[in-house]
Amino acid sequence: MGEARIIDGKGFAATLRGRVGESVAALKAGHGLTPGLAVVLVGEDPASQVYVHSKGKQTQEAGMASFEHRLEATTSQEALLRLVGELNADPAVHGILVQLPLPAQIEPAAVLSAIDPAKDVDGFHVINAGRLATGQKALVPCTPLGCLLLLRDTLGDLGGLEAVVVGRSNIVGKPMAQLLLGESCTVTIAHSRTRDLPAVCRRADILVAAVGRPEMVRGDWIRPGATVIDVGINRVPGEGGKTRLVGDVAFAEARAVAGAITPVPGGVGPMTIACLLANTLTAACRSAGLPEPKLL
């Protein structure tokens, strides 16, 4: 058996953004509707600033309206909730994203639950989580949605496959499991307290690693020929005092065993913003009672 096929998330994300752009152009021409995404950044977190800049750039490249709100780190929860209320009421805004992490004086749950579920393009609102869990139409968290699109593109029909999701966060692990259930996979959610985690992982036709621990999943944890989706983005010390990015999977070891694998960087990461744009387009179409575009 040769090395695993590399799943090119960067290339797939570029294609998806292109399709979103075409759909946006058709919406503008046919209905005079421009999807709008509002991103709110509180404070000066450097990683968040880079991410917000990238979101704004890609939103505009797709032909959408981009609304950026940058607030001081000292902003009160009340002031932030007031802004969210204004964005909820603004018909030009179809998607609202409040960038996490938030400063200590602001309770993230209070802010996320204040966002109109129809504009919750991050998919974190309890109503969207509930809709996803019960198989209804929902706005789905961007990273798990991106993982699912890559899996469908790599494997086609996922029905009947054994899937193991390592990680139980509300942002990735739980919604990922719900999406895989929706595709008729047999799903196990594993985590730090799972007994004999390597043995559980070895059952998987599809292994999704989302634990935030550098290279925790080793090559001998992987069933030969399995498809491995690595959600982790971890900075570790590199050569010459610099840092380098690694995933939650020991890539070189895993590549020798797996059938297909996402790299870090260039795998799941680029899919997250592409799916955010897709969610904003979906929200705009739903708000106007228009058919949702087929992006796959």
Protein backbone atom coordinates (compact mmCIF):
# COMPACT_ATOMS: atom_id res chain seq x y z
CA MET A 1 0.00 0.00 0.00
CA GLY A 2 1.33 3.43 -0.98
CA GLU A 3 1.05 6.74 0.80
CA ALA A 4 -2.39 8.19 1.50
CA ARG A 5 -4.03 10.53 -0.97
CA ILE A 6 -3.79 14.15 0.26
CA ILE A 7 -7.20 15.83 0.52
CA ASP A 8 -6.72 19.33 -0.90
CA GLY A 9 -8.92 21.53 1.30
CA LYS A 10 -7.35 24.67 -0.14
CA GLY A 11 -8.31 23.74 -3.70
CA PHE A 12 -11.82 22.57 -2.72
CA ALA A 13 -12.40 25.79 -0.73
CA ALA A 14 -11.38 27.90 -3.75
CA THR A 15 -13.90 26.01 -5.91
CA LEU A 16 -16.63 26.44 -3.27
CA ARG A 17 -15.92 30.19 -2.99
CA GLY A 18 -16.18 30.42 -6.79
CA ARG A 19 -19.60 28.74 -6.73
CA VAL A 20 -20.76 31.04 -3.94
CA GLY A 21 -19.60 34.04 -6.02
CA GLU A 22 -21.60 32.82 -9.06
CA SER A 23 -24.73 32.37 -6.91
CA VAL A 24 -24.28 35.84 -5.36
CA ALA A 25 -23.99 37.40 -8.85
CA ALA A 26 -27.20 35.59 -9.91
CA LEU A 27 -29.02 36.79 -6.75
CA LYS A 28 -27.99 40.38 -7.40
CA ALA A 29 -28.96 40.25 -11.09
CA GLY A 30 -32.22 38.34 -10.65
CA HIS A 31 -33.53 39.68 -7.33
CA GLY A 32 -31.49 42.78 -6.46
CA LEU A 33 -30.36 40.98 -3.29
CA THR A 34 -26.79 41.33 -1.95
CA PRO A 35 -25.99 38.91 0.91
CA GLY A 36 -24.37 40.79 3.83
CA LEU A 37 -22.06 39.44 6.54
CA ALA A 38 -21.37 41.40 9.74
CA VAL A 39 -18.28 40.42 11.74
CA VAL A 40 -17.79 41.79 15.25
CA LEU A 41 -14.33 41.80 16.84
CA VAL A 42 -13.93 42.85 20.47
CA GLY A 43 -10.35 43.61 21.56
CA GLU A 44 -6.97 43.08 19.95
CA ASP A 45 -6.42 39.30 19.86
CA PRO A 46 -3.77 38.95 17.09
CA ALA A 47 -5.03 35.62 15.67
CA SER A 48 -8.59 36.96 15.61
CA GLN A 49 -7.47 40.13 13.79
CA VAL A 50 -5.81 38.09 11.03
CA TYR A 51 -8.88 35.89 10.76
CA VAL A 52 -11.34 38.82 10.65
CA HIS A 53 -9.27 40.55 7.94
CA SER A 54 -9.29 37.35 5.87
CA LYS A 55 -13.07 36.94 6.32
CA GLY A 56 -13.71 40.52 5.19
CA LYS A 57 -11.49 40.12 2.12
CA GLN A 58 -13.07 36.83 1.02
CA THR A 59 -16.61 38.16 1.68
CA GLN A 60 -15.97 41.07 -0.70
CA GLU A 61 -14.28 38.83 -3.29
CA ALA A 62 -17.47 36.71 -3.36
CA GLY A 63 -19.47 39.87 -4.17
CA MET A 64 -21.11 40.12 -0.75
CA ALA A 65 -21.43 43.15 1.52
CA SER A 66 -18.96 43.05 4.42
CA PHE A 67 -19.71 44.94 7.64
CA GLU A 68 -16.85 45.02 10.17
CA HIS A 69 -17.37 46.24 13.73
CA ARG A 70 -14.19 46.57 15.81
CA LEU A 71 -14.83 47.31 19.47
CA GLU A 72 -12.45 48.18 22.32
CA ALA A 73 -11.32 45.38 24.66
CA THR A 74 -13.07 47.28 27.48
CA THR A 75 -16.50 47.11 25.75
CA SER A 76 -19.29 46.06 28.14
CA GLN A 77 -21.52 43.06 27.55
CA GLU A 78 -24.50 45.43 27.44
CA ALA A 79 -22.94 47.49 24.62
CA LEU A 80 -22.12 44.36 22.62
CA LEU A 81 -25.66 43.01 23.06
CA ARG A 82 -27.01 46.37 21.89
CA LEU A 83 -24.92 46.10 18.70
CA VAL A 84 -26.11 42.51 18.11
CA GLY A 85 -29.71 43.76 18.47
CA GLU A 86 -29.08 46.45 15.84
CA LEU A 87 -27.56 43.88 13.44
CA ASN A 88 -30.51 41.51 14.04
CA ALA A 89 -32.84 44.33 12.93
CA ASP A 90 -30.75 45.41 9.89
CA PRO A 91 -32.23 43.95 6.67
CA ALA A 92 -28.89 44.40 4.83
CA VAL A 93 -27.23 41.95 7.27
CA HIS A 94 -27.99 38.26 6.63
CA GLY A 95 -25.18 36.76 8.72
CA ILE A 96 -23.77 37.83 12.09
CA LEU A 97 -20.52 36.48 13.47
CA VAL A 98 -19.09 37.54 16.84
CA GLN A 99 -15.43 36.53 16.86
CA LEU A 100 -14.34 34.37 19.81
CA PRO A 101 -12.58 34.52 22.24
CA LEU A 102 -14.27 37.48 23.96
CA PRO A 103 -12.76 39.54 26.82
CA ALA A 104 -13.35 38.24 30.37
CA GLN A 105 -16.16 40.70 31.20
CA ILE A 106 -18.38 39.29 28.41
CA GLU A 107 -20.22 35.96 28.71
CA PRO A 108 -19.98 34.23 25.29
CA ALA A 109 -23.20 32.20 25.78
CA ALA A 110 -25.22 35.38 26.40
CA VAL A 111 -23.92 36.93 23.18
CA LEU A 112 -24.32 33.83 21.00
CA SER A 113 -27.89 33.30 22.23
CA ALA A 114 -28.74 36.95 21.41
CA ILE A 115 -27.99 36.46 17.70
CA ASP A 116 -31.10 35.85 15.56
CA PRO A 117 -30.93 32.08 14.73
CA ALA A 118 -31.76 32.93 11.08
CA LYS A 119 -28.56 35.08 10.96
CA ASP A 120 -26.40 32.73 13.07
CA VAL A 121 -23.93 31.79 10.30
CA ASP A 122 -21.56 30.24 12.87
CA GLY A 123 -24.31 27.73 13.71
CA PHE A 124 -23.69 28.02 17.47
CA HIS A 125 -27.17 29.15 18.61
CA VAL A 126 -28.96 26.52 20.69
CA ILE A 127 -31.88 26.59 18.22
CA ASN A 128 -29.60 25.73 15.29
CA ALA A 129 -27.88 23.05 17.40
CA GLY A 130 -31.31 21.60 18.23
CA ARG A 131 -32.45 21.69 14.61
CA LEU A 132 -29.29 19.90 13.51
CA ALA A 133 -29.70 17.27 16.25
CA THR A 134 -33.31 16.58 15.20
CA GLY A 135 -32.60 16.44 11.47
CA GLN A 136 -34.24 19.77 10.58
CA LYS A 137 -32.94 22.59 8.38
CA ALA A 138 -30.26 24.42 10.34
CA LEU A 139 -27.33 26.73 9.86
CA VAL A 140 -24.46 24.33 10.56
CA PRO A 141 -21.12 25.24 12.21
CA CYS A 142 -18.62 26.03 9.46
CA THR A 143 -15.73 23.71 10.38
CA PRO A 144 -17.79 20.48 10.64
CA LEU A 145 -19.68 21.45 7.47
CA GLY A 146 -16.32 21.87 5.70
CA CYS A 147 -15.19 18.46 6.96
CA LEU A 148 -18.39 16.85 5.66
CA LEU A 149 -17.97 18.41 2.20
CA LEU A 150 -14.40 17.08 2.01
CA LEU A 151 -15.56 13.61 3.09
CA ARG A 152 -18.35 13.52 0.50
CA ASP A 153 -15.95 14.69 -2.19
CA THR A 154 -13.39 12.01 -1.21
CA LEU A 155 -15.68 9.04 -0.53
CA GLY A 156 -19.02 9.77 -2.22
CA ASP A 157 -21.79 7.99 -0.30
CA LEU A 158 -20.89 7.76 3.41
CA GLY A 159 -23.83 5.48 4.33
CA GLY A 160 -22.94 2.54 6.59
CA LEU A 161 -19.35 3.64 7.23
CA GLU A 162 -17.95 3.52 10.77
CA ALA A 163 -17.01 7.04 11.88
CA VAL A 164 -15.10 8.01 15.01
CA VAL A 165 -14.99 11.67 16.09
CA VAL A 166 -12.30 12.39 18.68
CA GLY A 167 -13.44 15.50 20.58
CA ARG A 168 -16.80 16.54 22.01
CA SER A 169 -16.85 20.35 21.69
CA ASN A 170 -20.03 22.19 20.74
CA ILE A 171 -18.09 23.86 17.92
CA VAL A 172 -16.73 20.77 16.14
CA GLY A 173 -17.14 17.38 17.83
CA LYS A 174 -20.87 17.28 18.55
CA PRO A 175 -22.09 18.89 15.29
CA MET A 176 -19.65 16.72 13.30
CA ALA A 177 -21.21 13.62 14.86
CA GLN A 178 -24.72 14.89 14.02
CA LEU A 179 -23.76 15.53 10.39
CA LEU A 180 -22.25 12.04 10.06
CA LEU A 181 -25.39 10.51 11.58
CA GLY A 182 -27.35 12.45 8.96
CA GLU A 183 -25.22 10.71 6.30
CA SER A 184 -26.15 7.30 7.81
CA CYS A 185 -22.73 6.61 9.31
CA THR A 186 -22.33 4.57 12.50
CA VAL A 187 -20.90 7.22 14.81
CA THR A 188 -18.77 7.04 17.96
CA ILE A 189 -17.79 10.20 19.85
CA ALA A 190 -14.53 9.60 21.69
CA HIS A 191 -12.69 11.96 24.05
CA SER A 192 -10.01 12.24 26.74
CA ARG A 193 -11.88 9.86 29.08
CA THR A 194 -12.44 7.15 26.45
CA ARG A 195 -10.98 3.79 27.51
CA ASP A 196 -8.38 2.45 25.04
CA LEU A 197 -8.76 5.36 22.64
CA PRO A 198 -6.31 3.86 20.08
CA ALA A 199 -8.48 0.72 19.78
CA VAL A 200 -11.63 2.84 19.29
CA CYS A 201 -9.89 4.88 16.57
CA ARG A 202 -8.74 1.71 14.80
CA ARG A 203 -12.41 0.77 14.15
CA ALA A 204 -12.94 3.87 12.02
CA ASP A 205 -13.43 4.04 8.26
CA ILE A 206 -13.62 7.82 8.89
CA LEU A 207 -11.54 9.33 11.70
CA VAL A 208 -12.08 13.00 12.60
CA ALA A 209 -9.53 14.39 15.08
CA ALA A 210 -10.65 17.57 16.88
CA VAL A 211 -9.00 17.62 20.31
CA GLY A 212 -6.50 20.50 20.11
CA ARG A 213 -3.53 18.35 21.18
CA PRO A 214 -0.54 18.35 18.81
CA GLU A 215 0.02 15.02 16.99
CA MET A 216 -1.90 13.05 19.60
CA VAL A 217 -3.34 10.57 17.08
CA ARG A 218 -0.51 8.24 16.04
CA GLY A 219 -0.12 6.18 12.88
CA ASP A 220 -0.85 2.90 14.67
CA TRP A 221 -4.24 4.27 15.81
CA ILE A 222 -5.45 4.29 12.21
CA ARG A 223 -7.13 1.46 10.33
CA PRO A 224 -5.29 0.81 7.03
CA GLY A 225 -7.09 2.65 4.23
CA ALA A 226 -9.17 4.89 6.54
CA THR A 227 -9.96 8.52 5.69
CA VAL A 228 -8.49 10.91 8.27
CA ILE A 229 -9.79 14.46 8.77
CA ASP A 230 -7.45 16.51 10.99
CA VAL A 231 -9.22 19.57 12.45
CA GLY A 232 -6.36 20.52 14.79
CA ILE A 233 -4.28 23.66 14.31
CA ASN A 234 -1.50 23.74 16.90
CA ARG A 235 1.64 25.91 17.01
CA VAL A 236 4.70 23.98 18.17
CA PRO A 237 8.38 24.97 18.39
CA GLY A 238 10.18 24.58 15.05
CA GLU A 239 13.73 25.08 13.84
CA GLY A 240 15.68 28.26 14.54
CA GLY A 241 13.36 29.47 17.31
CA LYS A 242 10.38 29.68 14.94
CA THR A 243 7.04 27.90 15.36
CA ARG A 244 5.34 25.59 12.91
CA LEU A 245 1.75 24.42 12.50
CA VAL A 246 0.80 20.82 13.14
CA GLY A 247 -2.52 19.06 13.46
CA ASP A 248 -3.92 16.66 16.05
CA VAL A 249 -2.65 13.75 13.93
CA ALA A 250 0.99 12.68 13.53
CA PHE A 251 0.86 13.35 9.79
CA ALA A 252 3.87 11.42 8.47
CA GLU A 253 2.95 8.29 10.46
CA ALA A 254 -0.73 8.52 9.53
CA ARG A 255 -0.04 9.10 5.85
CA ALA A 256 1.79 5.79 5.64
CA VAL A 257 -1.36 3.93 6.81
CA ALA A 258 -4.44 5.95 5.80
CA GLY A 259 -6.20 5.90 2.44
CA ALA A 260 -6.73 9.68 2.42
CA ILE A 261 -5.79 12.46 4.83
CA THR A 262 -6.10 16.24 5.23
CA PRO A 263 -2.82 18.13 5.73
CA VAL A 264 -2.23 20.93 8.25
CA PRO A 265 -2.12 23.62 7.01
CA GLY A 266 -4.11 23.44 3.75
CA GLY A 267 -6.77 20.92 4.76
CA VAL A 268 -9.77 21.79 6.90
CA GLY A 269 -8.69 25.39 7.69
CA PRO A 270 -9.50 27.01 4.31
CA MET A 271 -12.91 25.27 4.29
CA THR A 272 -14.08 27.14 7.40
CA ILE A 273 -14.27 30.59 5.76
CA ALA A 274 -15.62 29.13 2.48
CA CYS A 275 -18.46 27.51 4.47
CA LEU A 276 -19.07 30.77 6.34
CA LEU A 277 -19.69 32.45 2.96
CA ALA A 278 -21.92 29.54 1.90
CA ASN A 279 -23.92 29.87 5.16
CA THR A 280 -24.34 33.63 4.59
CA LEU A 281 -25.64 32.96 1.07
CA THR A 282 -28.02 30.30 2.43
CA ALA A 283 -29.29 32.70 5.14
CA ALA A 284 -29.87 35.45 2.53
CA CYS A 285 -31.86 33.09 0.28
CA ARG A 286 -33.96 31.83 3.21
CA SER A 287 -34.69 35.38 4.40
CA ALA A 288 -36.06 36.28 0.96
CA GLY A 289 -37.99 33.00 0.55
CA LEU A 290 -35.81 32.01 -2.42
CA PRO A 291 -34.55 28.50 -3.25
CA GLU A 292 -31.20 27.71 -1.68
CA PRO A 293 -28.32 27.33 -4.15
CA LYS A 294 -26.81 23.90 -4.67
CA LEU A 295 -23.14 24.41 -3.89
CA LEU A 296 -21.97 20.80 -4.26
